[in-house]
C-alpha atoms as a PDB file:
ATOM      1  CA  MET A   1     -34.314  14.046  82.900  1.00  0.00           C
ATOM      2  CA  LYS A   2     -31.188  12.298  84.113  1.00  0.00           C
ATOM      3  CA  LEU A   3     -29.424  10.534  81.280  1.00  0.00           C
ATOM      4  CA  TYR A   4     -27.080   7.650  82.085  1.00  0.00           C
ATOM      5  CA  SER A   5     -24.125   6.470  80.045  1.00  0.00           C
ATOM      6  CA  LYS A   6     -23.867   2.741  79.362  1.00  0.00           C
ATOM      7  CA  PRO A   7     -21.224   2.141  82.088  1.00  0.00           C
ATOM      8  CA  GLU A   8     -23.373   4.091  84.552  1.00  0.00           C
ATOM      9  CA  ILE A   9     -26.523   2.103  83.822  1.00  0.00           C
ATOM     10  CA  PHE A  10     -24.557  -1.128  84.205  1.00  0.00           C
ATOM     11  CA  GLU A  11     -23.697  -0.031  87.732  1.00  0.00           C
ATOM     12  CA  VAL A  12     -27.358   0.763  88.391  1.00  0.00           C
ATOM     13  CA  ILE A  13     -28.311  -2.720  87.209  1.00  0.00           C
ATOM     14  CA  LYS A  14     -25.622  -4.362  89.317  1.00  0.00           C
ATOM     15  CA  LYS A  15     -26.857  -2.553  92.423  1.00  0.00           C
ATOM     16  CA  PHE A  16     -30.496  -3.399  91.676  1.00  0.00           C
ATOM     17  CA  LEU A  17     -29.756  -7.099  91.210  1.00  0.00           C
ATOM     18  CA  LYS A  18     -27.750  -7.214  94.413  1.00  0.00           C
ATOM     19  CA  GLU A  19     -30.429  -5.519  96.530  1.00  0.00           C
ATOM     20  CA  ASN A  20     -33.555  -7.328  95.279  1.00  0.00           C
ATOM     21  CA  GLU A  21     -34.891 -10.856  95.325  1.00  0.00           C
ATOM     22  CA  SER A  22     -36.545 -12.182  92.156  1.00  0.00           C
ATOM     23  CA  PRO A  23     -35.611  -9.062  90.150  1.00  0.00           C
ATOM     24  CA  VAL A  24     -36.881  -8.296  86.652  1.00  0.00           C
ATOM     25  CA  LEU A  25     -35.344  -5.879  84.160  1.00  0.00           C
ATOM     26  CA  GLU A  26     -37.400  -3.949  81.622  1.00  0.00           C
ATOM     27  CA  ILE A  27     -35.805  -2.493  78.489  1.00  0.00           C
ATOM     28  CA  LEU A  28     -38.114  -0.043  76.759  1.00  0.00           C
ATOM     29  CA  GLY A  29     -37.896   2.557  74.050  1.00  0.00           C
ATOM     30  CA  SER A  30     -39.331   3.731  70.787  1.00  0.00           C
ATOM     31  CA  THR A  31     -39.296   1.734  67.589  1.00  0.00           C
ATOM     32  CA  ALA A  32     -35.812   1.382  66.032  1.00  0.00           C
ATOM     33  CA  SER A  33     -34.104   2.516  69.243  1.00  0.00           C
ATOM     34  CA  GLY A  34     -32.007  -0.635  69.608  1.00  0.00           C
ATOM     35  CA  LYS A  35     -33.907  -2.361  72.422  1.00  0.00           C
ATOM     36  CA  THR A  36     -33.312  -5.916  71.250  1.00  0.00           C
ATOM     37  CA  GLY A  37     -29.566  -5.537  70.844  1.00  0.00           C
ATOM     38  CA  PHE A  38     -29.220  -3.844  74.204  1.00  0.00           C
ATOM     39  CA  SER A  39     -31.312  -6.484  75.973  1.00  0.00           C
ATOM     40  CA  ILE A  40     -29.083  -9.210  74.512  1.00  0.00           C
ATOM     41  CA  GLU A  41     -25.994  -7.298  75.641  1.00  0.00           C
ATOM     42  CA  ILE A  42     -27.383  -7.049  79.174  1.00  0.00           C
ATOM     43  CA  ALA A  43     -28.370 -10.721  79.158  1.00  0.00           C
ATOM     44  CA  LYS A  44     -24.827 -11.717  78.211  1.00  0.00           C
ATOM     45  CA  LYS A  45     -23.322  -9.430  80.845  1.00  0.00           C
ATOM     46  CA  PHE A  46     -25.637 -10.226  83.770  1.00  0.00           C
ATOM     47  CA  GLY A  47     -26.798 -13.720  82.836  1.00  0.00           C
ATOM     48  CA  PRO A  48     -27.890 -16.348  82.899  1.00  0.00           C
ATOM     49  CA  ALA A  49     -30.844 -14.381  81.545  1.00  0.00           C
ATOM     50  CA  GLU A  50     -33.779 -14.830  79.180  1.00  0.00           C
ATOM     51  CA  VAL A  51     -35.616 -12.160  77.187  1.00  0.00           C
ATOM     52  CA  ILE A  52     -39.382 -11.788  76.866  1.00  0.00           C
ATOM     53  CA  SER A  53     -40.401  -9.737  73.847  1.00  0.00           C
ATOM     54  CA  VAL A  54     -43.229  -7.382  74.815  1.00  0.00           C
ATOM     55  CA  ASP A  55     -44.347  -6.410  71.332  1.00  0.00           C
ATOM     56  CA  SER A  56     -47.952  -6.619  70.140  1.00  0.00           C
ATOM     57  CA  ARG A  57     -46.726  -7.311  66.592  1.00  0.00           C
ATOM     58  CA  GLN A  58     -44.085  -9.954  67.232  1.00  0.00           C
ATOM     59  CA  ILE A  59     -46.690 -12.286  68.760  1.00  0.00           C
ATOM     60  CA  TYR A  60     -47.855 -13.120  65.222  1.00  0.00           C
ATOM     61  CA  LYS A  61     -46.503 -16.063  63.270  1.00  0.00           C
ATOM     62  CA  ASP A  62     -45.008 -15.478  59.800  1.00  0.00           C
ATOM     63  CA  ILE A  63     -44.748 -11.715  60.330  1.00  0.00           C
ATOM     64  CA  ASN A  64     -41.006 -11.397  60.686  1.00  0.00           C
ATOM     65  CA  ILE A  65     -39.566  -8.483  58.738  1.00  0.00           C
ATOM     66  CA  ALA A  66     -42.485  -6.136  59.395  1.00  0.00           C
ATOM     67  CA  SER A  67     -42.313  -6.735  63.154  1.00  0.00           C
ATOM     68  CA  ALA A  68     -38.485  -6.617  63.285  1.00  0.00           C
ATOM     69  CA  LYS A  69     -38.127  -9.979  65.022  1.00  0.00           C
ATOM     70  CA  ALA A  70     -34.627 -10.828  66.177  1.00  0.00           C
ATOM     71  CA  SER A  71     -32.875 -13.520  64.166  1.00  0.00           C
ATOM     72  CA  GLU A  72     -31.168 -16.526  65.741  1.00  0.00           C
ATOM     73  CA  LYS A  73     -27.841 -14.834  65.056  1.00  0.00           C
ATOM     74  CA  GLU A  74     -28.943 -11.635  66.784  1.00  0.00           C
ATOM     75  CA  MET A  75     -30.147 -13.590  69.833  1.00  0.00           C
ATOM     76  CA  GLN A  76     -26.589 -14.914  70.346  1.00  0.00           C
ATOM     77  CA  GLY A  77     -27.859 -17.979  72.162  1.00  0.00           C
ATOM     78  CA  VAL A  78     -29.994 -16.015  74.630  1.00  0.00           C
ATOM     79  CA  PRO A  79     -33.482 -17.571  74.961  1.00  0.00           C
ATOM     80  CA  ASN A  80     -36.200 -15.254  73.632  1.00  0.00           C
ATOM     81  CA  TRP A  81     -39.924 -15.609  74.347  1.00  0.00           C
ATOM     82  CA  GLY A  82     -43.139 -13.832  73.379  1.00  0.00           C
ATOM     83  CA  MET A  83     -42.862 -14.301  69.621  1.00  0.00           C
ATOM     84  CA  ASP A  84     -44.926 -16.410  67.186  1.00  0.00           C
ATOM     85  CA  LEU A  85     -47.732 -17.052  69.661  1.00  0.00           C
ATOM     86  CA  ILE A  86     -50.763 -16.780  67.376  1.00  0.00           C
ATOM     87  CA  SER A  87     -51.916 -16.575  63.758  1.00  0.00           C
ATOM     88  CA  PRO A  88     -52.263 -13.114  62.151  1.00  0.00           C
ATOM     89  CA  GLU A  89     -55.994 -13.787  61.869  1.00  0.00           C
ATOM     90  CA  GLU A  90     -56.423 -14.175  65.626  1.00  0.00           C
ATOM     91  CA  GLY A  91     -56.994 -11.580  68.318  1.00  0.00           C
ATOM     92  CA  TYR A  92     -54.911 -11.277  71.470  1.00  0.00           C
ATOM     93  CA  SER A  93     -55.548  -8.940  74.381  1.00  0.00           C
ATOM     94  CA  VAL A  94     -53.214  -7.203  76.775  1.00  0.00           C
ATOM     95  CA  ALA A  95     -54.748  -9.290  79.570  1.00  0.00           C
ATOM     96  CA  GLU A  96     -53.865 -12.496  77.746  1.00  0.00           C
ATOM     97  CA  PHE A  97     -50.287 -11.382  77.207  1.00  0.00           C
ATOM     98  CA  GLN A  98     -49.988 -10.258  80.832  1.00  0.00           C
ATOM     99  CA  LYS A  99     -50.934 -13.780  81.945  1.00  0.00           C
ATOM    100  CA  TYR A 100     -48.429 -15.266  79.503  1.00  0.00           C
ATOM    101  CA  ALA A 101     -45.662 -12.950  80.730  1.00  0.00           C
ATOM    102  CA  PHE A 102     -46.331 -13.652  84.408  1.00  0.00           C
ATOM    103  CA  GLU A 103     -46.116 -17.406  83.751  1.00  0.00           C
ATOM    104  CA  LYS A 104     -42.951 -17.027  81.678  1.00  0.00           C
ATOM    105  CA  ILE A 105     -41.266 -14.834  84.304  1.00  0.00           C
ATOM    106  CA  LYS A 106     -41.991 -17.469  86.938  1.00  0.00           C
ATOM    107  CA  GLU A 107     -40.543 -20.211  84.724  1.00  0.00           C
ATOM    108  CA  ILE A 108     -37.391 -18.204  84.047  1.00  0.00           C
ATOM    109  CA  GLN A 109     -36.871 -17.461  87.729  1.00  0.00           C
ATOM    110  CA  GLU A 110     -37.353 -21.134  88.563  1.00  0.00           C
ATOM    111  CA  ARG A 111     -34.465 -21.802  86.169  1.00  0.00           C
ATOM    112  CA  LYS A 112     -32.388 -19.386  88.286  1.00  0.00           C
ATOM    113  CA  ALA A 113     -32.154 -16.982  85.383  1.00  0.00           C
ATOM    114  CA  LEU A 114     -32.877 -13.253  85.082  1.00  0.00           C
ATOM    115  CA  PRO A 115     -36.074 -12.276  83.194  1.00  0.00           C
ATOM    116  CA  ILE A 116     -35.654  -9.284  80.882  1.00  0.00           C
ATOM    117  CA  LEU A 117     -38.772  -7.660  79.447  1.00  0.00           C
ATOM    118  CA  CYS A 118     -37.953  -5.966  76.157  1.00  0.00           C
ATOM    119  CA  GLY A 119     -40.312  -4.009  73.946  1.00  0.00           C
ATOM    120  CA  GLY A 120     -42.111  -0.880  72.944  1.00  0.00           C
ATOM    121  CA  THR A 121     -45.794  -1.757  73.377  1.00  0.00           C
ATOM    122  CA  MET A 122     -46.448   0.723  76.125  1.00  0.00           C
ATOM    123  CA  LEU A 123     -49.662  -0.567  77.684  1.00  0.00           C
ATOM    124  CA  TRP A 124     -48.460  -4.161  77.656  1.00  0.00           C
ATOM    125  CA  LEU A 125     -45.239  -3.268  79.458  1.00  0.00           C
ATOM    126  CA  ASP A 126     -47.086  -1.318  82.141  1.00  0.00           C
ATOM    127  CA  ALA A 127     -49.697  -4.067  82.528  1.00  0.00           C
ATOM    128  CA  ILE A 128     -46.900  -6.477  83.445  1.00  0.00           C
ATOM    129  CA  SER A 129     -44.597  -4.340  85.565  1.00  0.00           C
ATOM    130  CA  GLU A 130     -47.398  -2.493  87.367  1.00  0.00           C
ATOM    131  CA  ASN A 131     -49.766  -5.489  87.578  1.00  0.00           C
ATOM    132  CA  TYR A 132     -52.855  -3.985  85.991  1.00  0.00           C
ATOM    133  CA  LEU A 133     -56.016  -5.727  87.139  1.00  0.00           C
ATOM    134  CA  PHE A 134     -58.358  -6.898  84.389  1.00  0.00           C
ATOM    135  CA  ASN A 135     -61.866  -8.241  84.794  1.00  0.00           C
ATOM    136  CA  GLU A 136     -63.119 -11.580  83.523  1.00  0.00           C
ATOM    137  CA  LYS A 137     -63.968 -10.017  80.156  1.00  0.00           C
ATOM    138  CA  GLN A 138     -60.284  -9.109  79.773  1.00  0.00           C
ATOM    139  CA  GLU A 139     -60.773  -5.453  79.022  1.00  0.00           C
ATOM    140  CA  ILE A 140     -58.178  -3.871  76.815  1.00  0.00           C
ATOM    141  CA  LYS A 141     -57.555  -1.073  79.293  1.00  0.00           C
ATOM    142  CA  SER A 142     -57.488  -0.998  83.059  1.00  0.00           C
ATOM    143  CA  THR A 143     -56.917   1.813  85.539  1.00  0.00           C
ATOM    144  CA  LYS A 144     -56.663  -0.540  88.506  1.00  0.00           C
ATOM    145  CA  LYS A 145     -53.305  -1.777  89.710  1.00  0.00           C
ATOM    146  CA  GLY A 146     -52.546  -4.616  92.074  1.00  0.00           C
ATOM    147  CA  LYS A 147     -49.511  -5.123  94.247  1.00  0.00           C
ATOM    148  CA  PRO A 148     -46.409  -5.481  92.042  1.00  0.00           C
ATOM    149  CA  ARG A 149     -45.514  -9.130  91.578  1.00  0.00           C
ATOM    150  CA  PHE A 150     -41.780  -8.494  91.460  1.00  0.00           C
ATOM    151  CA  PRO A 151     -39.238  -5.684  91.746  1.00  0.00           C
ATOM    152  CA  VAL A 152     -38.570  -4.215  88.321  1.00  0.00           C
ATOM    153  CA  LEU A 153     -35.917  -1.836  87.032  1.00  0.00           C
ATOM    154  CA  LYS A 154     -37.105   0.102  83.987  1.00  0.00           C
ATOM    155  CA  ILE A 155     -34.440   1.224  81.529  1.00  0.00           C
ATOM    156  CA  GLY A 156     -35.338   3.404  78.559  1.00  0.00           C
ATOM    157  CA  ILE A 157     -33.127   3.929  75.512  1.00  0.00           C
ATOM    158  CA  HIS A 158     -32.774   7.598  74.620  1.00  0.00           C
ATOM    159  CA  TRP A 159     -31.979   9.148  71.258  1.00  0.00           C
ATOM    160  CA  ASP A 160     -32.122  12.769  70.208  1.00  0.00           C
ATOM    161  CA  ARG A 161     -35.122  13.249  67.940  1.00  0.00           C
ATOM    162  CA  GLU A 162     -33.101  13.739  64.726  1.00  0.00           C
ATOM    163  CA  GLU A 163     -30.954  10.686  65.481  1.00  0.00           C
ATOM    164  CA  LEU A 164     -34.013   8.558  66.168  1.00  0.00           C
ATOM    165  CA  TYR A 165     -35.793   9.609  62.982  1.00  0.00           C
ATOM    166  CA  ALA A 166     -32.658   8.851  60.960  1.00  0.00           C
ATOM    167  CA  ARG A 167     -32.554   5.368  62.512  1.00  0.00           C
ATOM    168  CA  ILE A 168     -36.231   4.818  61.730  1.00  0.00           C
ATOM    169  CA  ASN A 169     -35.836   5.919  58.116  1.00  0.00           C
ATOM    170  CA  LYS A 170     -32.758   3.733  57.673  1.00  0.00           C
ATOM    171  CA  ARG A 171     -34.452   0.673  59.174  1.00  0.00           C
ATOM    172  CA  SER A 172     -37.401   1.061  56.804  1.00  0.00           C
ATOM    173  CA  GLU A 173     -34.971   1.139  53.880  1.00  0.00           C
ATOM    174  CA  ILE A 174     -33.273  -2.041  55.136  1.00  0.00           C
ATOM    175  CA  MET A 175     -36.635  -3.777  55.596  1.00  0.00           C
ATOM    176  CA  PHE A 176     -37.576  -2.965  51.991  1.00  0.00           C
ATOM    177  CA  GLN A 177     -34.207  -4.293  50.794  1.00  0.00           C
ATOM    178  CA  ASN A 178     -34.566  -7.470  52.873  1.00  0.00           C
ATOM    179  CA  GLY A 179     -37.924  -8.535  51.477  1.00  0.00           C
ATOM    180  CA  LEU A 180     -40.680  -6.589  53.223  1.00  0.00           C
ATOM    181  CA  ILE A 181     -42.647  -6.259  49.981  1.00  0.00           C
ATOM    182  CA  GLU A 182     -42.405 -10.000  49.312  1.00  0.00           C
ATOM    183  CA  GLU A 183     -43.435 -10.792  52.896  1.00  0.00           C
ATOM    184  CA  THR A 184     -46.427  -8.484  52.526  1.00  0.00           C
ATOM    185  CA  SER A 185     -47.575 -10.290  49.370  1.00  0.00           C
ATOM    186  CA  GLU A 186     -47.307 -13.672  51.091  1.00  0.00           C
ATOM    187  CA  ILE A 187     -49.182 -12.493  54.205  1.00  0.00           C
ATOM    188  CA  LEU A 188     -52.003 -10.910  52.209  1.00  0.00           C
ATOM    189  CA  GLU A 189     -52.420 -14.094  50.166  1.00  0.00           C
ATOM    190  CA  LYS A 190     -52.278 -16.455  53.149  1.00  0.00           C
ATOM    191  CA  TYR A 191     -54.337 -14.639  55.785  1.00  0.00           C
ATOM    192  CA  LYS A 192     -57.531 -12.650  56.051  1.00  0.00           C
ATOM    193  CA  MET A 193     -56.229  -9.882  58.269  1.00  0.00           C
ATOM    194  CA  ASN A 194     -58.479  -7.218  59.716  1.00  0.00           C
ATOM    195  CA  TYR A 195     -57.956  -3.513  59.079  1.00  0.00           C
ATOM    196  CA  GLN A 196     -56.270  -2.880  62.421  1.00  0.00           C
ATOM    197  CA  ALA A 197     -53.704  -5.608  61.824  1.00  0.00           C
ATOM    198  CA  LEU A 198     -52.986  -4.326  58.332  1.00  0.00           C
ATOM    199  CA  THR A 199     -52.368  -0.789  59.529  1.00  0.00           C
ATOM    200  CA  SER A 200     -50.307  -1.798  62.551  1.00  0.00           C
ATOM    201  CA  PHE A 201     -47.777  -3.570  60.341  1.00  0.00           C
ATOM    202  CA  GLY A 202     -47.741  -0.942  57.617  1.00  0.00           C
ATOM    203  CA  TYR A 203     -49.077  -3.475  55.140  1.00  0.00           C
ATOM    204  CA  LEU A 204     -51.634  -1.017  53.759  1.00  0.00           C
ATOM    205  CA  GLU A 205     -49.039   1.227  52.145  1.00  0.00           C
ATOM    206  CA  LEU A 206     -47.257  -1.828  50.742  1.00  0.00           C
ATOM    207  CA  GLN A 207     -50.538  -3.187  49.436  1.00  0.00           C
ATOM    208  CA  LYS A 208     -50.999   0.098  47.577  1.00  0.00           C
ATOM    209  CA  PHE A 209     -47.582  -0.388  45.961  1.00  0.00           C
ATOM    210  CA  ILE A 210     -48.299  -4.012  45.034  1.00  0.00           C
ATOM    211  CA  GLU A 211     -51.597  -2.984  43.434  1.00  0.00           C
ATOM    212  CA  GLY A 212     -49.932  -0.117  41.567  1.00  0.00           C
ATOM    213  CA  GLY A 213     -51.506   2.712  43.563  1.00  0.00           C
ATOM    214  CA  VAL A 214     -48.226   4.179  44.749  1.00  0.00           C
ATOM    215  CA  SER A 215     -44.578   3.991  43.733  1.00  0.00           C
ATOM    216  CA  ARG A 216     -41.959   2.042  45.691  1.00  0.00           C
ATOM    217  CA  GLU A 217     -40.502   5.350  46.874  1.00  0.00           C
ATOM    218  CA  GLY A 218     -43.943   6.514  47.902  1.00  0.00           C
ATOM    219  CA  ALA A 219     -44.581   3.316  49.848  1.00  0.00           C
ATOM    220  CA  LEU A 220     -41.224   3.685  51.590  1.00  0.00           C
ATOM    221  CA  GLU A 221     -41.988   7.281  52.556  1.00  0.00           C
ATOM    222  CA  LEU A 222     -45.395   6.255  53.944  1.00  0.00           C
ATOM    223  CA  ASN A 223     -43.769   3.442  55.925  1.00  0.00           C
ATOM    224  CA  GLN A 224     -41.150   5.772  57.358  1.00  0.00           C
ATOM    225  CA  ARG A 225     -43.754   8.368  58.301  1.00  0.00           C
ATOM    226  CA  ARG A 226     -45.939   5.745  59.985  1.00  0.00           C
ATOM    227  CA  ASN A 227     -43.012   4.561  62.103  1.00  0.00           C
ATOM    228  CA  ARG A 228     -41.991   8.116  63.024  1.00  0.00           C
ATOM    229  CA  ASN A 229     -45.552   8.840  64.152  1.00  0.00           C
ATOM    230  CA  TYR A 230     -45.572   5.655  66.230  1.00  0.00           C
ATOM    231  CA  ALA A 231     -42.301   6.710  67.866  1.00  0.00           C
ATOM    232  CA  LYS A 232     -43.913  10.040  68.795  1.00  0.00           C
ATOM    233  CA  ARG A 233     -46.773   8.242  70.533  1.00  0.00           C
ATOM    234  CA  GLN A 234     -44.349   6.002  72.397  1.00  0.00           C
ATOM    235  CA  LEU A 235     -42.244   8.893  73.633  1.00  0.00           C
ATOM    236  CA  THR A 236     -45.362  10.815  74.685  1.00  0.00           C
ATOM    237  CA  TRP A 237     -46.477   7.799  76.760  1.00  0.00           C
ATOM    238  CA  TRP A 238     -43.198   7.748  78.718  1.00  0.00           C
ATOM    239  CA  ARG A 239     -42.630  11.492  78.926  1.00  0.00           C
ATOM    240  CA  GLY A 240     -42.125  12.650  82.515  1.00  0.00           C
ATOM    241  CA  ARG A 241     -42.042   9.128  83.936  1.00  0.00           C
ATOM    242  CA  GLU A 242     -39.824   9.145  87.006  1.00  0.00           C
ATOM    243  CA  ASP A 243     -39.726   5.345  87.142  1.00  0.00           C
ATOM    244  CA  VAL A 244     -37.739   5.074  83.894  1.00  0.00           C
ATOM    245  CA  ASN A 245     -33.928   5.271  83.899  1.00  0.00           C
ATOM    246  CA  TRP A 246     -32.902   6.669  80.540  1.00  0.00           C
ATOM    247  CA  VAL A 247     -29.619   5.666  78.935  1.00  0.00           C
ATOM    248  CA  LYS A 248     -27.641   6.803  75.914  1.00  0.00           C
ATOM    249  CA  ILE A 249     -26.253   3.534  74.599  1.00  0.00           C
ATOM    250  CA  VAL A 250     -23.655   5.036  72.230  1.00  0.00           C
END
């Protein structure tokens, strides 16, 4: 696997933007890899640009800490889309998000700005960049691909495994310090979330803590383990992909 430095990947981006009409950038990587910050950095450097969050958790309203949504300060004035689309009680398919993303990309390009896809939801990213074809029932998965709707440059953020796990563990600690437990209590009181939604946000382990079934330290360890396991699945999805340009951002 070729690994680019940040200056090298900037040159790759510059060349890609120069050689393609209606280009789209895609910033991918595992959880806690620094995708949002890097996408904002690229948007500021190669803008005008707008970011579309491709995250199956950030589409939910009121779920902010658990889904690691970027704050207004972190966005640095760069428009961000794809967040707060539905209630936590609602369902939302990959086909529905694909349609949303295609429409948003078109809008951004009509504003003469650069669309940047940013996220770690693997299937959703591929459904957009590779134009998966879904039937009228909007199946969750599709093996059929249509003609790509736009040229896309895929950039993946690489960390050595130990570095990544340390970042994941640290982010979980920060989330707990910044009110993840309180957010969990509010969400569980306000919404009737299904089991899948509860597990995807890690609310189950926090619910155990709130109800006295596990200590705060135990809940933190469960949260960290869940996120490490998710990172493993993400990296397995992209392993061996020749269409991804991997970069070490520090």
